């Protein structure tokens, strides 16, 4: 659970770093790049330990797939709440298909560290 919570927190920072500036188009690009890098520093401070501690319990493939689905979940919430962009039906279907892919990645029988 620690890995999932760290990935969730890191993705909040990542999403803010990558997309938070979209409301500040009047600010010089170099300034938003600098602020985004500062925010991304905290993302790395959470992401790296999440992967380090999670590896072994999960395979590297599972960690990456888990990170991607968390990224999309955080992104959907962020765009809806902060950017006020509701998801369209096709985005929801695409997200459901990605969740199905996650289900396959964690299918019983796949062991951490198994080749």
PDB file of N, CA and C in Angstrom:
ATOM      1  N   UNK A   1       0.822  -1.199   0.000  1.00  0.00           N
ATOM      2  CA  UNK A   1       0.000   0.000   0.000  1.00  0.00           C
ATOM      3  C   UNK A   1       0.869   1.266   0.000  1.00  0.00           C
ATOM      4  N   UNK A   2       2.041   1.176   0.633  1.00  0.00           N
ATOM      5  CA  UNK A   2       2.943   2.318   0.675  1.00  0.00           C
ATOM      6  C   UNK A   2       3.341   2.741  -0.741  1.00  0.00           C
ATOM      7  N   UNK A   3       3.607   1.754  -1.585  1.00  0.00           N
ATOM      8  CA  UNK A   3       3.998   2.049  -2.966  1.00  0.00           C
ATOM      9  C   UNK A   3       2.885   2.778  -3.696  1.00  0.00           C
ATOM     10  N   UNK A   4       1.665   2.305  -3.562  1.00  0.00           N
ATOM     11  CA  UNK A   4       0.522   2.917  -4.248  1.00  0.00           C
ATOM     12  C   UNK A   4       0.317   4.348  -3.762  1.00  0.00           C
ATOM     13  N   UNK A   5       0.401   4.571  -2.467  1.00  0.00           N
ATOM     14  CA  UNK A   5       0.209   5.926  -1.931  1.00  0.00           C
ATOM     15  C   UNK A   5       1.309   6.879  -2.388  1.00  0.00           C
ATOM     16  N   UNK A   6       2.540   6.392  -2.422  1.00  0.00           N
ATOM     17  CA  UNK A   6       3.633   7.230  -2.924  1.00  0.00           C
ATOM     18  C   UNK A   6       3.461   7.541  -4.404  1.00  0.00           C
ATOM     19  N   UNK A   7       3.037   6.546  -5.181  1.00  0.00           N
ATOM     20  CA  UNK A   7       2.788   6.785  -6.605  1.00  0.00           C
ATOM     21  C   UNK A   7       1.653   7.781  -6.797  1.00  0.00           C
ATOM     22  N   UNK A   8       0.626   7.673  -5.994  1.00  0.00           N
ATOM     23  CA  UNK A   8      -0.502   8.609  -6.074  1.00  0.00           C
ATOM     24  C   UNK A   8      -0.041  10.028  -5.775  1.00  0.00           C
ATOM     25  N   UNK A   9       0.694  10.190  -4.677  1.00  0.00           N
ATOM     26  CA  UNK A   9       1.183  11.527  -4.312  1.00  0.00           C
ATOM     27  C   UNK A   9       2.136  12.074  -5.364  1.00  0.00           C
ATOM     28  N   UNK A  10       3.023  11.238  -5.879  1.00  0.00           N
ATOM     29  CA  UNK A  10       3.974  11.708  -6.884  1.00  0.00           C
ATOM     30  C   UNK A  10       3.250  12.159  -8.146  1.00  0.00           C
ATOM     31  N   UNK A  11       2.182  11.458  -8.488  1.00  0.00           N
ATOM     32  CA  UNK A  11       1.450  11.824  -9.695  1.00  0.00           C
ATOM     33  C   UNK A  11       0.650  13.107  -9.534  1.00  0.00           C
ATOM     34  N   UNK A  12       0.261  13.432  -8.322  1.00  0.00           N
ATOM     35  CA  UNK A  12      -0.376  14.736  -8.093  1.00  0.00           C
ATOM     36  C   UNK A  12       0.632  15.838  -8.410  1.00  0.00           C
ATOM     37  N   UNK A  13       1.849  15.701  -7.882  1.00  0.00           N
ATOM     38  CA  UNK A  13       2.888  16.701  -8.183  1.00  0.00           C
ATOM     39  C   UNK A  13       3.193  16.746  -9.673  1.00  0.00           C
ATOM     40  N   UNK A  14       3.304  15.580 -10.303  1.00  0.00           N
ATOM     41  CA  UNK A  14       3.624  15.527 -11.724  1.00  0.00           C
ATOM     42  C   UNK A  14       2.545  16.221 -12.559  1.00  0.00           C
ATOM     43  N   UNK A  15       1.294  15.937 -12.247  1.00  0.00           N
ATOM     44  CA  UNK A  15       0.196  16.520 -13.014  1.00  0.00           C
ATOM     45  C   UNK A  15       0.160  18.031 -12.852  1.00  0.00           C
ATOM     46  N   UNK A  16       0.373  18.506 -11.634  1.00  0.00           N
ATOM     47  CA  UNK A  16       0.413  19.956 -11.413  1.00  0.00           C
ATOM     48  C   UNK A  16       1.595  20.568 -12.166  1.00  0.00           C
ATOM     49  N   UNK A  17       2.741  19.898 -12.143  1.00  0.00           N
ATOM     50  CA  UNK A  17       3.918  20.420 -12.844  1.00  0.00           C
ATOM     51  C   UNK A  17       3.696  20.481 -14.349  1.00  0.00           C
ATOM     52  N   UNK A  18       3.084  19.449 -14.900  1.00  0.00           N
ATOM     53  CA  UNK A  18       2.917  19.379 -16.343  1.00  0.00           C
ATOM     54  C   UNK A  18       1.737  20.178 -16.882  1.00  0.00           C
ATOM     55  N   UNK A  19       0.662  20.302 -16.095  1.00  0.00           N
ATOM     56  CA  UNK A  19      -0.563  20.901 -16.631  1.00  0.00           C
ATOM     57  C   UNK A  19      -1.073  22.101 -15.841  1.00  0.00           C
ATOM     58  N   UNK A  20      -0.546  22.345 -14.656  1.00  0.00           N
ATOM     59  CA  UNK A  20      -1.021  23.455 -13.834  1.00  0.00           C
ATOM     60  C   UNK A  20      -0.821  24.815 -14.471  1.00  0.00           C
ATOM     61  N   UNK A  21       0.195  24.932 -15.283  1.00  0.00           N
ATOM     62  CA  UNK A  21       0.519  26.218 -15.921  1.00  0.00           C
ATOM     63  C   UNK A  21      -0.469  26.594 -17.031  1.00  0.00           C
ATOM     64  N   UNK A  22      -1.334  25.689 -17.422  1.00  0.00           N
ATOM     65  CA  UNK A  22      -2.247  25.984 -18.535  1.00  0.00           C
ATOM     66  C   UNK A  22      -3.211  27.121 -18.207  1.00  0.00           C
ATOM     67  N   UNK A  23      -3.405  27.395 -16.938  1.00  0.00           N
ATOM     68  CA  UNK A  23      -4.233  28.540 -16.538  1.00  0.00           C
ATOM     69  C   UNK A  23      -3.426  29.842 -16.492  1.00  0.00           C
ATOM     70  N   UNK A  24      -2.144  29.762 -16.755  1.00  0.00           N
ATOM     71  CA  UNK A  24      -1.268  30.924 -16.644  1.00  0.00           C
ATOM     72  C   UNK A  24      -0.556  31.195 -17.964  1.00  0.00           C
ATOM     73  N   UNK A  25      -1.312  31.227 -19.039  1.00  0.00           N
ATOM     74  CA  UNK A  25      -0.718  31.420 -20.363  1.00  0.00           C
ATOM     75  C   UNK A  25      -0.122  32.814 -20.546  1.00  0.00           C
ATOM     76  N   UNK A  26      -0.472  33.722 -19.664  1.00  0.00           N
ATOM     77  CA  UNK A  26       0.075  35.077 -19.723  1.00  0.00           C
ATOM     78  C   UNK A  26       1.481  35.161 -19.115  1.00  0.00           C
ATOM     79  N   UNK A  27       1.892  34.130 -18.379  1.00  0.00           N
ATOM     80  CA  UNK A  27       3.218  34.106 -17.751  1.00  0.00           C
ATOM     81  C   UNK A  27       4.241  33.611 -18.772  1.00  0.00           C
ATOM     82  N   UNK A  28       5.421  34.223 -18.745  1.00  0.00           N
ATOM     83  CA  UNK A  28       6.483  33.823 -19.672  1.00  0.00           C
ATOM     84  C   UNK A  28       6.761  32.333 -19.566  1.00  0.00           C
ATOM     85  N   UNK A  29       7.017  31.722 -20.709  1.00  0.00           N
ATOM     86  CA  UNK A  29       7.237  30.277 -20.757  1.00  0.00           C
ATOM     87  C   UNK A  29       8.413  29.847 -19.886  1.00  0.00           C
ATOM     88  N   UNK A  30       9.499  30.590 -19.892  1.00  0.00           N
ATOM     89  CA  UNK A  30      10.657  30.193 -19.096  1.00  0.00           C
ATOM     90  C   UNK A  30      10.322  30.153 -17.611  1.00  0.00           C
ATOM     91  N   UNK A  31       9.409  31.025 -17.169  1.00  0.00           N
ATOM     92  CA  UNK A  31       9.022  31.047 -15.761  1.00  0.00           C
ATOM     93  C   UNK A  31       8.191  29.815 -15.401  1.00  0.00           C
ATOM     94  N   UNK A  32       7.253  29.445 -16.270  1.00  0.00           N
ATOM     95  CA  UNK A  32       6.449  28.263 -15.951  1.00  0.00           C
ATOM     96  C   UNK A  32       7.287  26.986 -16.056  1.00  0.00           C
ATOM     97  N   UNK A  33       8.278  26.979 -16.943  1.00  0.00           N
ATOM     98  CA  UNK A  33       9.181  25.826 -17.012  1.00  0.00           C
ATOM     99  C   UNK A  33       9.955  25.712 -15.701  1.00  0.00           C
ATOM    100  N   UNK A  34      10.464  26.826 -15.201  1.00  0.00           N
ATOM    101  CA  UNK A  34      11.236  26.807 -13.948  1.00  0.00           C
ATOM    102  C   UNK A  34      10.369  26.350 -12.775  1.00  0.00           C
ATOM    103  N   UNK A  35       9.166  26.869 -12.677  1.00  0.00           N
ATOM    104  CA  UNK A  35       8.266  26.467 -11.586  1.00  0.00           C
ATOM    105  C   UNK A  35       7.883  24.999 -11.737  1.00  0.00           C
ATOM    106  N   UNK A  36       7.638  24.564 -12.968  1.00  0.00           N
ATOM    107  CA  UNK A  36       7.296  23.158 -13.198  1.00  0.00           C
ATOM    108  C   UNK A  36       8.435  22.242 -12.763  1.00  0.00           C
ATOM    109  N   UNK A  37       9.666  22.632 -13.028  1.00  0.00           N
ATOM    110  CA  UNK A  37      10.807  21.815 -12.601  1.00  0.00           C
ATOM    111  C   UNK A  37      10.899  21.754 -11.082  1.00  0.00           C
ATOM    112  N   UNK A  38      10.606  22.858 -10.420  1.00  0.00           N
ATOM    113  CA  UNK A  38      10.625  22.850  -8.951  1.00  0.00           C
ATOM    114  C   UNK A  38       9.550  21.912  -8.397  1.00  0.00           C
ATOM    115  N   UNK A  39       8.371  21.944  -8.986  1.00  0.00           N
ATOM    116  CA  UNK A  39       7.292  21.050  -8.549  1.00  0.00           C
ATOM    117  C   UNK A  39       7.662  19.603  -8.858  1.00  0.00           C
ATOM    118  N   UNK A  40       8.244  19.374 -10.021  1.00  0.00           N
ATOM    119  CA  UNK A  40       8.614  18.011 -10.428  1.00  0.00           C
ATOM    120  C   UNK A  40       9.676  17.413  -9.504  1.00  0.00           C
ATOM    121  N   UNK A  41      10.479  18.243  -8.867  1.00  0.00           N
ATOM    122  CA  UNK A  41      11.463  17.728  -7.914  1.00  0.00           C
ATOM    123  C   UNK A  41      10.777  16.898  -6.830  1.00  0.00           C
ATOM    124  N   UNK A  42       9.640  17.392  -6.331  1.00  0.00           N
ATOM    125  CA  UNK A  42       8.925  16.675  -5.285  1.00  0.00           C
ATOM    126  C   UNK A  42       8.289  15.399  -5.833  1.00  0.00           C
ATOM    127  N   UNK A  43       7.910  15.427  -7.094  1.00  0.00           N
ATOM    128  CA  UNK A  43       7.397  14.218  -7.738  1.00  0.00           C
ATOM    129  C   UNK A  43       8.471  13.135  -7.731  1.00  0.00           C
ATOM    130  N   UNK A  44       9.688  13.497  -8.091  1.00  0.00           N
ATOM    131  CA  UNK A  44      10.790  12.539  -8.098  1.00  0.00           C
ATOM    132  C   UNK A  44      11.105  12.034  -6.692  1.00  0.00           C
ATOM    133  N   UNK A  45      11.001  12.913  -5.705  1.00  0.00           N
ATOM    134  CA  UNK A  45      11.276  12.512  -4.321  1.00  0.00           C
ATOM    135  C   UNK A  45      10.289  11.457  -3.819  1.00  0.00           C
ATOM    136  N   UNK A  46       9.142  11.341  -4.446  1.00  0.00           N
ATOM    137  CA  UNK A  46       8.148  10.324  -4.090  1.00  0.00           C
ATOM    138  C   UNK A  46       8.176   9.139  -5.047  1.00  0.00           C
ATOM    139  N   UNK A  47       8.376   9.412  -6.321  1.00  0.00           N
ATOM    140  CA  UNK A  47       8.356   8.367  -7.351  1.00  0.00           C
ATOM    141  C   UNK A  47       9.499   7.370  -7.185  1.00  0.00           C
ATOM    142  N   UNK A  48      10.694   7.879  -6.959  1.00  0.00           N
ATOM    143  CA  UNK A  48      11.860   6.999  -6.860  1.00  0.00           C
ATOM    144  C   UNK A  48      11.739   6.042  -5.668  1.00  0.00           C
ATOM    145  N   UNK A  49      11.396   6.524  -4.474  1.00  0.00           N
ATOM    146  CA  UNK A  49      11.208   5.573  -3.368  1.00  0.00           C
ATOM    147  C   UNK A  49      10.058   4.593  -3.617  1.00  0.00           C
ATOM    148  N   UNK A  50       8.993   5.042  -4.252  1.00  0.00           N
ATOM    149  CA  UNK A  50       7.872   4.144  -4.550  1.00  0.00           C
ATOM    150  C   UNK A  50       8.343   2.979  -5.403  1.00  0.00           C
ATOM    151  N   UNK A  51       9.121   3.274  -6.426  1.00  0.00           N
ATOM    152  CA  UNK A  51       9.628   2.215  -7.300  1.00  0.00           C
ATOM    153  C   UNK A  51      10.678   1.354  -6.593  1.00  0.00           C
ATOM    154  N   UNK A  52      11.530   1.967  -5.806  1.00  0.00           N
ATOM    155  CA  UNK A  52      12.578   1.221  -5.102  1.00  0.00           C
ATOM    156  C   UNK A  52      11.952   0.241  -4.114  1.00  0.00           C
ATOM    157  N   UNK A  53      11.002   0.735  -3.312  1.00  0.00           N
ATOM    158  CA  UNK A  53      10.389  -0.101  -2.283  1.00  0.00           C
ATOM    159  C   UNK A  53       9.380  -1.087  -2.870  1.00  0.00           C
ATOM    160  N   UNK A  54       8.768  -0.709  -3.980  1.00  0.00           N
ATOM    161  CA  UNK A  54       7.768  -1.581  -4.576  1.00  0.00           C
ATOM    162  C   UNK A  54       8.329  -2.712  -5.409  1.00  0.00           C
ATOM    163  N   UNK A  55       9.564  -2.520  -5.905  1.00  0.00           N
ATOM    164  CA  UNK A  55      10.168  -3.546  -6.757  1.00  0.00           C
ATOM    165  C   UNK A  55      10.528  -4.765  -5.924  1.00  0.00           C
ATOM    166  N   UNK A  56      10.080  -5.889  -6.372  1.00  0.00           N
ATOM    167  CA  UNK A  56      10.227  -7.127  -5.609  1.00  0.00           C
ATOM    168  C   UNK A  56       8.853  -7.610  -5.181  1.00  0.00           C
ATOM    169  N   UNK A  57       8.073  -6.679  -4.625  1.00  0.00           N
ATOM    170  CA  UNK A  57       6.665  -6.977  -4.363  1.00  0.00           C
ATOM    171  C   UNK A  57       5.916  -6.966  -5.694  1.00  0.00           C
ATOM    172  N   UNK A  58       6.300  -6.051  -6.571  1.00  0.00           N
ATOM    173  CA  UNK A  58       5.758  -5.940  -7.918  1.00  0.00           C
ATOM    174  C   UNK A  58       6.923  -6.027  -8.898  1.00  0.00           C
ATOM    175  N   UNK A  59       6.651  -6.480 -10.109  1.00  0.00           N
ATOM    176  CA  UNK A  59       7.670  -6.444 -11.148  1.00  0.00           C
ATOM    177  C   UNK A  59       7.793  -5.005 -11.646  1.00  0.00           C
ATOM    178  N   UNK A  60       8.866  -4.721 -12.362  1.00  0.00           N
ATOM    179  CA  UNK A  60       9.031  -3.387 -12.943  1.00  0.00           C
ATOM    180  C   UNK A  60       7.886  -3.092 -13.915  1.00  0.00           C
ATOM    181  N   UNK A  61       7.446  -4.111 -14.651  1.00  0.00           N
ATOM    182  CA  UNK A  61       6.310  -3.935 -15.558  1.00  0.00           C
ATOM    183  C   UNK A  61       5.056  -3.540 -14.785  1.00  0.00           C
ATOM    184  N   UNK A  62       4.807  -4.241 -13.690  1.00  0.00           N
ATOM    185  CA  UNK A  62       3.620  -3.939 -12.890  1.00  0.00           C
ATOM    186  C   UNK A  62       3.700  -2.546 -12.287  1.00  0.00           C
ATOM    187  N   UNK A  63       4.882  -2.143 -11.828  1.00  0.00           N
ATOM    188  CA  UNK A  63       5.044  -0.795 -11.286  1.00  0.00           C
ATOM    189  C   UNK A  63       4.729   0.263 -12.333  1.00  0.00           C
ATOM    190  N   UNK A  64       5.223   0.061 -13.550  1.00  0.00           N
ATOM    191  CA  UNK A  64       4.991   1.041 -14.619  1.00  0.00           C
ATOM    192  C   UNK A  64       3.517   1.098 -14.998  1.00  0.00           C
ATOM    193  N   UNK A  65       2.891  -0.057 -15.124  1.00  0.00           N
ATOM    194  CA  UNK A  65       1.469  -0.086 -15.483  1.00  0.00           C
ATOM    195  C   UNK A  65       0.635   0.554 -14.379  1.00  0.00           C
ATOM    196  N   UNK A  66       0.961   0.256 -13.125  1.00  0.00           N
ATOM    197  CA  UNK A  66       0.259   0.855 -11.999  1.00  0.00           C
ATOM    198  C   UNK A  66       0.431   2.376 -12.015  1.00  0.00           C
ATOM    199  N   UNK A  67       1.644   2.823 -12.282  1.00  0.00           N
ATOM    200  CA  UNK A  67       1.917   4.252 -12.328  1.00  0.00           C
ATOM    201  C   UNK A  67       1.105   4.930 -13.425  1.00  0.00           C
ATOM    202  N   UNK A  68       0.970   4.285 -14.559  1.00  0.00           N
ATOM    203  CA  UNK A  68       0.233   4.885 -15.673  1.00  0.00           C
ATOM    204  C   UNK A  68      -1.258   5.019 -15.362  1.00  0.00           C
ATOM    205  N   UNK A  69      -1.844   4.002 -14.747  1.00  0.00           N
ATOM    206  CA  UNK A  69      -3.271   4.094 -14.438  1.00  0.00           C
ATOM    207  C   UNK A  69      -3.518   5.125 -13.334  1.00  0.00           C
ATOM    208  N   UNK A  70      -2.593   5.220 -12.380  1.00  0.00           N
ATOM    209  CA  UNK A  70      -2.718   6.260 -11.358  1.00  0.00           C
ATOM    210  C   UNK A  70      -2.589   7.633 -12.003  1.00  0.00           C
ATOM    211  N   UNK A  71      -1.652   7.771 -12.933  1.00  0.00           N
ATOM    212  CA  UNK A  71      -1.481   9.036 -13.654  1.00  0.00           C
ATOM    213  C   UNK A  71      -2.777   9.455 -14.346  1.00  0.00           C
ATOM    214  N   UNK A  72      -3.410   8.510 -15.027  1.00  0.00           N
ATOM    215  CA  UNK A  72      -4.651   8.837 -15.729  1.00  0.00           C
ATOM    216  C   UNK A  72      -5.779   9.190 -14.770  1.00  0.00           C
ATOM    217  N   UNK A  73      -5.863   8.493 -13.653  1.00  0.00           N
ATOM    218  CA  UNK A  73      -6.908   8.798 -12.668  1.00  0.00           C
ATOM    219  C   UNK A  73      -6.700  10.196 -12.078  1.00  0.00           C
ATOM    220  N   UNK A  74      -5.460  10.502 -11.712  1.00  0.00           N
ATOM    221  CA  UNK A  74      -5.156  11.832 -11.174  1.00  0.00           C
ATOM    222  C   UNK A  74      -5.416  12.892 -12.238  1.00  0.00           C
ATOM    223  N   UNK A  75      -4.994  12.616 -13.465  1.00  0.00           N
ATOM    224  CA  UNK A  75      -5.181  13.572 -14.557  1.00  0.00           C
ATOM    225  C   UNK A  75      -6.663  13.857 -14.804  1.00  0.00           C
ATOM    226  N   UNK A  76      -7.488  12.806 -14.795  1.00  0.00           N
ATOM    227  CA  UNK A  76      -8.923  13.015 -15.022  1.00  0.00           C
ATOM    228  C   UNK A  76      -9.529  13.887 -13.932  1.00  0.00           C
ATOM    229  N   UNK A  77      -9.158  13.628 -12.685  1.00  0.00           N
ATOM    230  CA  UNK A  77      -9.652  14.472 -11.592  1.00  0.00           C
ATOM    231  C   UNK A  77      -9.159  15.898 -11.702  1.00  0.00           C
ATOM    232  N   UNK A  78      -7.892  16.050 -12.047  1.00  0.00           N
ATOM    233  CA  UNK A  78      -7.291  17.380 -12.179  1.00  0.00           C
ATOM    234  C   UNK A  78      -7.951  18.185 -13.286  1.00  0.00           C
ATOM    235  N   UNK A  79      -8.119  17.569 -14.455  1.00  0.00           N
ATOM    236  CA  UNK A  79      -8.698  18.320 -15.580  1.00  0.00           C
ATOM    237  C   UNK A  79     -10.146  18.683 -15.310  1.00  0.00           C
ATOM    238  N   UNK A  80     -10.842  17.820 -14.598  1.00  0.00           N
ATOM    239  CA  UNK A  80     -12.246  18.120 -14.282  1.00  0.00           C
ATOM    240  C   UNK A  80     -12.341  19.220 -13.226  1.00  0.00           C
ATOM    241  N   UNK A  81     -11.579  19.093 -12.141  1.00  0.00           N
ATOM    242  CA  UNK A  81     -11.693  20.033 -11.022  1.00  0.00           C
ATOM    243  C   UNK A  81     -10.936  21.343 -11.240  1.00  0.00           C
ATOM    244  N   UNK A  82      -9.757  21.283 -11.841  1.00  0.00           N
ATOM    245  CA  UNK A  82      -8.927  22.475 -11.974  1.00  0.00           C
ATOM    246  C   UNK A  82      -9.090  23.169 -13.323  1.00  0.00           C
ATOM    247  N   UNK A  83      -9.107  22.393 -14.400  1.00  0.00           N
ATOM    248  CA  UNK A  83      -9.237  22.979 -15.732  1.00  0.00           C
ATOM    249  C   UNK A  83     -10.684  23.052 -16.208  1.00  0.00           C
ATOM    250  N   UNK A  84     -11.592  22.457 -15.433  1.00  0.00           N
ATOM    251  CA  UNK A  84     -13.027  22.456 -15.746  1.00  0.00           C
ATOM    252  C   UNK A  84     -13.327  21.875 -17.124  1.00  0.00           C
ATOM    253  N   UNK A  85     -12.633  20.764 -17.428  1.00  0.00           N
ATOM    254  CA  UNK A  85     -12.857  20.046 -18.679  1.00  0.00           C
ATOM    255  C   UNK A  85     -13.451  18.681 -18.341  1.00  0.00           C
ATOM    256  N   UNK A  86     -14.749  18.516 -18.513  1.00  0.00           N
ATOM    257  CA  UNK A  86     -15.340  17.203 -18.212  1.00  0.00           C
ATOM    258  C   UNK A  86     -14.903  16.166 -19.248  1.00  0.00           C
ATOM    259  N   UNK A  87     -14.751  14.909 -18.810  1.00  0.00           N
ATOM    260  CA  UNK A  87     -14.347  13.874 -19.771  1.00  0.00           C
ATOM    261  C   UNK A  87     -15.486  13.550 -20.727  1.00  0.00           C
ATOM    262  N   UNK A  88     -15.129  13.289 -21.963  1.00  0.00           N
ATOM    263  CA  UNK A  88     -16.118  12.848 -22.944  1.00  0.00           C
ATOM    264  C   UNK A  88     -16.260  11.348 -22.828  1.00  0.00           C
ATOM    265  N   UNK A  89     -17.297  10.809 -23.443  1.00  0.00           N
ATOM    266  CA  UNK A  89     -17.570   9.375 -23.345  1.00  0.00           C
ATOM    267  C   UNK A  89     -16.398   8.538 -23.858  1.00  0.00           C
ATOM    268  N   UNK A  90     -15.763   8.995 -24.935  1.00  0.00           N
ATOM    269  CA  UNK A  90     -14.667   8.198 -25.504  1.00  0.00           C
ATOM    270  C   UNK A  90     -13.443   8.173 -24.584  1.00  0.00           C
ATOM    271  N   UNK A  91     -13.227   9.231 -23.801  1.00  0.00           N
ATOM    272  CA  UNK A  91     -12.137   9.219 -22.830  1.00  0.00           C
ATOM    273  C   UNK A  91     -12.424   8.202 -21.727  1.00  0.00           C
ATOM    274  N   UNK A  92     -13.666   8.131 -21.308  1.00  0.00           N
ATOM    275  CA  UNK A  92     -14.059   7.180 -20.264  1.00  0.00           C
ATOM    276  C   UNK A  92     -13.895   5.748 -20.765  1.00  0.00           C
ATOM    277  N   UNK A  93     -14.298   5.493 -22.010  1.00  0.00           N
ATOM    278  CA  UNK A  93     -14.122   4.153 -22.587  1.00  0.00           C
ATOM    279  C   UNK A  93     -12.634   3.814 -22.681  1.00  0.00           C
ATOM    280  N   UNK A  94     -11.830   4.764 -23.126  1.00  0.00           N
ATOM    281  CA  UNK A  94     -10.387   4.531 -23.225  1.00  0.00           C
ATOM    282  C   UNK A  94      -9.797   4.224 -21.849  1.00  0.00           C
ATOM    283  N   UNK A  95     -10.229   4.947 -20.849  1.00  0.00           N
ATOM    284  CA  UNK A  95      -9.744   4.706 -19.492  1.00  0.00           C
ATOM    285  C   UNK A  95     -10.160   3.313 -19.014  1.00  0.00           C
ATOM    286  N   UNK A  96     -11.372   2.897 -19.316  1.00  0.00           N
ATOM    287  CA  UNK A  96     -11.836   1.558 -18.940  1.00  0.00           C
ATOM    288  C   UNK A  96     -10.985   0.476 -19.616  1.00  0.00           C
ATOM    289  N   UNK A  97     -10.603   0.708 -20.862  1.00  0.00           N
ATOM    290  CA  UNK A  97      -9.747  -0.257 -21.557  1.00  0.00           C
ATOM    291  C   UNK A  97      -8.352  -0.328 -20.923  1.00  0.00           C
ATOM    292  N   UNK A  98      -7.855   0.811 -20.483  1.00  0.00           N
ATOM    293  CA  UNK A  98      -6.565   0.814 -19.791  1.00  0.00           C
ATOM    294  C   UNK A  98      -6.679   0.072 -18.464  1.00  0.00           C
ATOM    295  N   UNK A  99      -7.787   0.250 -17.761  1.00  0.00           N
ATOM    296  CA  UNK A  99      -8.002  -0.504 -16.519  1.00  0.00           C
ATOM    297  C   UNK A  99      -8.044  -2.001 -16.795  1.00  0.00           C
ATOM    298  N   UNK A 100      -8.625  -2.391 -17.914  1.00  0.00           N
ATOM    299  CA  UNK A 100      -8.634  -3.808 -18.284  1.00  0.00           C
ATOM    300  C   UNK A 100      -7.206  -4.301 -18.502  1.00  0.00           C
ATOM    301  N   UNK A 101      -6.376  -3.485 -19.114  1.00  0.00           N
ATOM    302  CA  UNK A 101      -4.973  -3.852 -19.325  1.00  0.00           C
ATOM    303  C   UNK A 101      -4.264  -4.033 -17.985  1.00  0.00           C
ATOM    304  N   UNK A 102      -4.576  -3.188 -17.023  1.00  0.00           N
ATOM    305  CA  UNK A 102      -3.991  -3.328 -15.688  1.00  0.00           C
ATOM    306  C   UNK A 102      -4.423  -4.654 -15.077  1.00  0.00           C
ATOM    307  N   UNK A 103      -5.676  -5.002 -15.268  1.00  0.00           N
ATOM    308  CA  UNK A 103      -6.155  -6.289 -14.769  1.00  0.00           C
ATOM    309  C   UNK A 103      -5.347  -7.444 -15.323  1.00  0.00           C
ATOM    310  N   UNK A 104      -5.016  -7.395 -16.606  1.00  0.00           N
ATOM    311  CA  UNK A 104      -4.190  -8.445 -17.205  1.00  0.00           C
ATOM    312  C   UNK A 104      -2.769  -8.444 -16.638  1.00  0.00           C
ATOM    313  N   UNK A 105      -2.242  -7.269 -16.369  1.00  0.00           N
ATOM    314  CA  UNK A 105      -0.883  -7.177 -15.831  1.00  0.00           C
ATOM    315  C   UNK A 105      -0.781  -7.812 -14.445  1.00  0.00           C
ATOM    316  N   UNK A 106      -1.872  -7.759 -13.689  1.00  0.00           N
ATOM    317  CA  UNK A 106      -1.873  -8.302 -12.323  1.00  0.00           C
ATOM    318  C   UNK A 106      -2.642  -9.622 -12.250  1.00  0.00           C
ATOM    319  N   UNK A 107      -2.836 -10.275 -13.385  1.00  0.00           N
ATOM    320  CA  UNK A 107      -3.559 -11.546 -13.449  1.00  0.00           C
ATOM    321  C   UNK A 107      -2.895 -12.562 -12.523  1.00  0.00           C
ATOM    322  N   UNK A 108      -3.691 -13.303 -11.772  1.00  0.00           N
ATOM    323  CA  UNK A 108      -3.100 -14.321 -10.891  1.00  0.00           C
ATOM    324  C   UNK A 108      -2.222 -15.296 -11.675  1.00  0.00           C
ATOM    325  N   UNK A 109      -1.127 -15.656 -11.064  1.00  0.00           N
ATOM    326  CA  UNK A 109      -0.171 -16.553 -11.726  1.00  0.00           C
ATOM    327  C   UNK A 109       1.077 -15.819 -12.155  1.00  0.00           C
ATOM    328  N   UNK A 110       0.971 -14.506 -12.340  1.00  0.00           N
ATOM    329  CA  UNK A 110       2.157 -13.728 -12.656  1.00  0.00           C
ATOM    330  C   UNK A 110       2.872 -13.384 -11.355  1.00  0.00           C
ATOM    331  N   UNK A 111       4.036 -13.921 -11.146  1.00  0.00           N
ATOM    332  CA  UNK A 111       4.778 -13.738  -9.894  1.00  0.00           C
ATOM    333  C   UNK A 111       5.783 -12.605 -10.033  1.00  0.00           C
ATOM    334  N   UNK A 112       5.955 -11.859  -8.964  1.00  0.00           N
ATOM    335  CA  UNK A 112       6.994 -10.828  -8.944  1.00  0.00           C
ATOM    336  C   UNK A 112       8.349 -11.487  -9.136  1.00  0.00           C
ATOM    337  N   UNK A 113       9.114 -10.972 -10.064  1.00  0.00           N
ATOM    338  CA  UNK A 113      10.443 -11.498 -10.314  1.00  0.00           C
ATOM    339  C   UNK A 113      10.449 -12.714 -11.227  1.00  0.00           C
ATOM    340  N   UNK A 114       9.271 -13.214 -11.603  1.00  0.00           N
ATOM    341  CA  UNK A 114       9.219 -14.394 -12.490  1.00  0.00           C
ATOM    342  C   UNK A 114       9.562 -13.973 -13.905  1.00  0.00           C
ATOM    343  N   UNK A 115      10.230 -14.836 -14.588  1.00  0.00           N
ATOM    344  CA  UNK A 115      10.627 -14.541 -15.976  1.00  0.00           C
ATOM    345  C   UNK A 115       9.824 -15.413 -16.913  1.00  0.00           C
TER     346      UNK A 115
END
